[in-house]
Amino acid sequence: MAALLDHIGIKTAVPVIGHSFGGLVAYHMAARMPERVSRMVIVDIGTSLDEEGEFTRASAGVFPLREKLEERIGARLSPYLQNSIHRVEDGWCLNFEIEEFLLSVAALNGNHEQTWASSHCPALVIKGADSPLSDRKDLKAMALEHPDTSFMEIAGGHSVHIDAPDAFAAAVEEFLDQETCPS
């Protein structure tokens, strides 16, 4: 993230929005480079991860029909991976390497509470109300334990920004427009 900001010539602190694993990236960046992050929005991810990701291995390879791949991915995740499915010569597959994804999952597993606590910019924690991948109690605790942080629940699933784009955009816009710390 810092390299990208450097590359495009941004030297001032910017707001950072991170969804799911990107939320971890956002608060790690805020903790390690506070001069680069003015505010952060953390979407549907907590501070403790224990994901095996093994279900993902079953989705590796080429499937003769898109429906078969979607069935293998499962009803819970298939809606969120629609843009990651593509046609190849022999059928349908995911457009990312499963083993690389699993390496990322393994690298992010663990407790990130200390990193979250050491980030100090104002934050908004958003939970998708219907998300099976985050826990309301955990996300609300993140907001309660972190200074200048608000918690909000929006009707939608894990990809709440896709499920409820207007409500999500309004919440983020209101948060980013605040001049003082959130209440």
Protein backbone atom coordinates (compact mmCIF):
# COMPACT_ATOMS: atom_id res chain seq x y z
CA MET A 1 0.00 0.00 0.00
CA ALA A 2 2.78 2.42 0.88
CA ALA A 3 4.56 1.61 -2.38
CA LEU A 4 1.37 2.32 -4.32
CA LEU A 5 0.87 5.66 -2.57
CA ASP A 6 4.52 6.54 -3.26
CA HIS A 7 4.19 5.49 -6.89
CA ILE A 8 1.19 7.75 -7.50
CA GLY A 9 2.79 10.61 -5.58
CA ILE A 10 0.53 10.77 -2.52
CA LYS A 11 2.57 11.94 0.45
CA THR A 12 -0.21 12.89 2.85
CA ALA A 13 -2.29 10.62 5.05
CA VAL A 14 -5.30 9.09 3.30
CA PRO A 15 -8.42 7.25 4.43
CA VAL A 16 -8.16 3.49 3.99
CA ILE A 17 -11.08 1.12 3.49
CA GLY A 18 -10.45 -2.60 3.96
CA HIS A 19 -12.96 -5.39 3.41
CA SER A 20 -12.38 -8.87 4.88
CA PHE A 21 -8.64 -9.67 4.67
CA GLY A 22 -8.21 -6.13 3.36
CA GLY A 23 -9.44 -4.89 6.74
CA LEU A 24 -6.45 -6.57 8.36
CA VAL A 25 -4.21 -4.84 5.84
CA ALA A 26 -5.87 -1.52 6.68
CA TYR A 27 -5.33 -1.66 10.41
CA HIS A 28 -1.85 -3.12 10.09
CA MET A 29 -1.00 -0.20 7.83
CA ALA A 30 -2.52 2.29 10.30
CA ALA A 31 -0.49 0.76 13.14
CA ARG A 32 2.82 0.56 11.26
CA MET A 33 2.54 3.76 9.21
CA PRO A 34 0.28 6.14 11.13
CA GLU A 35 1.54 9.07 9.07
CA ARG A 36 -0.01 7.47 5.95
CA VAL A 37 -3.53 6.73 7.27
CA SER A 38 -5.95 9.50 8.29
CA ARG A 39 -9.01 7.32 8.93
CA MET A 40 -9.91 3.69 8.35
CA VAL A 41 -13.03 1.74 7.58
CA ILE A 42 -12.84 -1.93 8.56
CA VAL A 43 -15.50 -4.07 6.86
CA ASP A 44 -16.63 -7.44 8.20
CA ILE A 45 -13.38 -8.69 9.72
CA GLY A 46 -12.32 -9.01 13.33
CA THR A 47 -8.97 -9.27 15.08
CA SER A 48 -8.74 -13.02 15.52
CA LEU A 49 -8.62 -15.43 12.59
CA ASP A 50 -8.51 -19.18 12.59
CA GLU A 51 -9.36 -20.09 9.01
CA GLU A 52 -8.29 -23.37 7.53
CA GLY A 53 -9.38 -22.54 4.02
CA GLU A 54 -9.32 -26.22 3.18
CA PHE A 55 -12.77 -25.99 1.64
CA THR A 56 -11.09 -23.89 -1.03
CA ARG A 57 -8.96 -26.80 -2.27
CA ALA A 58 -12.13 -28.55 -3.40
CA SER A 59 -12.71 -25.65 -5.80
CA ALA A 60 -9.36 -26.09 -7.57
CA GLY A 61 -9.24 -27.28 -11.13
CA VAL A 62 -11.50 -27.00 -14.14
CA PHE A 63 -15.20 -27.85 -13.97
CA PRO A 64 -17.20 -28.73 -17.10
CA LEU A 65 -20.11 -26.49 -16.06
CA ARG A 66 -20.11 -23.17 -14.21
CA GLU A 67 -22.95 -24.49 -12.05
CA LYS A 68 -20.77 -27.40 -10.90
CA LEU A 69 -18.02 -25.03 -9.80
CA GLU A 70 -20.53 -22.81 -8.00
CA GLU A 71 -21.98 -25.90 -6.31
CA ARG A 72 -18.48 -26.94 -5.17
CA ILE A 73 -17.74 -23.43 -3.85
CA GLY A 74 -20.99 -23.65 -1.90
CA ALA A 75 -24.02 -21.47 -1.39
CA ARG A 76 -22.31 -19.44 1.36
CA LEU A 77 -19.39 -18.18 -0.74
CA SER A 78 -20.50 -18.57 -4.34
CA PRO A 79 -22.31 -15.21 -4.48
CA TYR A 80 -19.11 -13.42 -3.47
CA LEU A 81 -16.89 -15.17 -6.00
CA GLN A 82 -18.93 -14.54 -9.14
CA ASN A 83 -16.30 -12.17 -10.54
CA SER A 84 -13.59 -14.74 -9.81
CA ILE A 85 -15.09 -17.43 -12.05
CA HIS A 86 -14.04 -17.49 -15.67
CA ARG A 87 -14.32 -19.64 -18.75
CA VAL A 88 -11.33 -21.58 -20.01
CA GLU A 89 -10.95 -23.97 -22.92
CA ASP A 90 -12.12 -27.05 -21.01
CA GLY A 91 -14.77 -25.47 -18.80
CA TRP A 92 -14.84 -23.13 -15.80
CA CYS A 93 -12.36 -22.31 -13.03
CA LEU A 94 -11.47 -19.71 -10.44
CA ASN A 95 -9.14 -16.98 -11.67
CA PHE A 96 -6.73 -17.26 -8.75
CA GLU A 97 -4.34 -19.93 -7.57
CA ILE A 98 -5.87 -21.86 -4.69
CA GLU A 99 -2.51 -22.66 -3.08
CA GLU A 100 -1.50 -18.97 -3.11
CA PHE A 101 -4.80 -18.08 -1.49
CA LEU A 102 -4.23 -20.70 1.21
CA LEU A 103 -0.75 -19.25 1.89
CA SER A 104 -2.38 -15.86 2.42
CA VAL A 105 -4.96 -17.37 4.75
CA ALA A 106 -2.26 -19.12 6.78
CA ALA A 107 -0.20 -15.92 7.01
CA LEU A 108 -3.16 -13.98 8.38
CA ASN A 109 -4.30 -16.54 10.94
CA GLY A 110 -3.78 -15.59 14.55
CA ASN A 111 -4.62 -12.84 16.96
CA HIS A 112 -4.27 -9.27 15.66
CA GLU A 113 -5.67 -7.51 18.74
CA GLN A 114 -2.34 -5.86 19.60
CA THR A 115 -2.00 -4.43 16.10
CA TRP A 116 -5.59 -3.17 16.16
CA ALA A 117 -4.97 -1.57 19.56
CA SER A 118 -1.82 0.15 18.34
CA SER A 119 -3.58 1.91 15.47
CA HIS A 120 -4.77 5.33 16.57
CA CYS A 121 -6.64 7.04 13.76
CA PRO A 122 -10.42 7.36 13.82
CA ALA A 123 -12.12 4.22 12.56
CA LEU A 124 -15.47 2.87 11.50
CA VAL A 125 -16.12 -0.86 11.89
CA ILE A 126 -18.91 -2.15 9.65
CA LYS A 127 -20.53 -5.56 9.92
CA GLY A 128 -22.76 -7.09 7.28
CA ALA A 129 -25.80 -7.96 9.41
CA ASP A 130 -26.31 -11.27 7.61
CA SER A 131 -22.64 -12.17 7.24
CA PRO A 132 -21.80 -15.65 8.41
CA LEU A 133 -18.08 -14.78 8.35
CA SER A 134 -17.90 -12.23 11.16
CA ASP A 135 -19.20 -12.07 14.70
CA ARG A 136 -21.22 -9.02 15.76
CA LYS A 137 -19.97 -9.23 19.35
CA ASP A 138 -16.32 -9.27 18.22
CA LEU A 139 -16.69 -6.36 15.80
CA LYS A 140 -18.64 -4.30 18.32
CA ALA A 141 -15.91 -4.99 20.92
CA MET A 142 -13.31 -3.74 18.44
CA ALA A 143 -15.14 -0.42 18.30
CA LEU A 144 -15.69 -0.20 22.06
CA GLU A 145 -12.05 -0.94 22.87
CA HIS A 146 -10.54 1.39 20.28
CA PRO A 147 -10.58 5.16 20.81
CA ASP A 148 -12.38 7.27 18.20
CA THR A 149 -14.14 4.27 16.69
CA SER A 150 -17.76 3.67 15.74
CA PHE A 151 -19.55 0.43 14.99
CA MET A 152 -22.29 0.05 12.39
CA GLU A 153 -24.28 -2.89 11.14
CA ILE A 154 -25.73 -2.73 7.63
CA ALA A 155 -28.25 -5.15 6.15
CA GLY A 156 -26.29 -7.43 3.85
CA GLY A 157 -23.84 -10.29 3.81
CA HIS A 158 -20.05 -10.44 4.00
CA SER A 159 -19.73 -8.26 0.90
CA VAL A 160 -22.04 -5.64 2.36
CA HIS A 161 -20.67 -3.01 -0.03
CA ILE A 162 -22.09 -5.14 -2.90
CA ASP A 163 -25.29 -6.21 -1.13
CA ALA A 164 -26.23 -2.71 0.09
CA PRO A 165 -24.14 -0.24 -1.94
CA ASP A 166 -26.21 2.85 -1.15
CA ALA A 167 -26.29 2.28 2.61
CA PHE A 168 -22.60 1.37 2.63
CA ALA A 169 -21.61 4.44 0.59
CA ALA A 170 -23.70 6.73 2.80
CA ALA A 171 -22.12 5.36 5.99
CA VAL A 172 -18.59 5.68 4.63
CA GLU A 173 -19.23 9.14 3.24
CA GLU A 174 -20.65 10.36 6.55
CA PHE A 175 -17.68 8.91 8.43
CA LEU A 176 -15.11 10.40 6.07
CA ASP A 177 -16.80 13.81 6.20
CA GLN A 178 -16.46 14.01 9.99
CA GLU A 179 -13.94 16.58 11.13
CA THR A 180 -13.89 15.39 14.70
CA CYS A 181 -13.71 11.94 16.18
CA PRO A 182 -16.77 9.73 15.72
CA SER A 183 -19.18 9.37 18.62
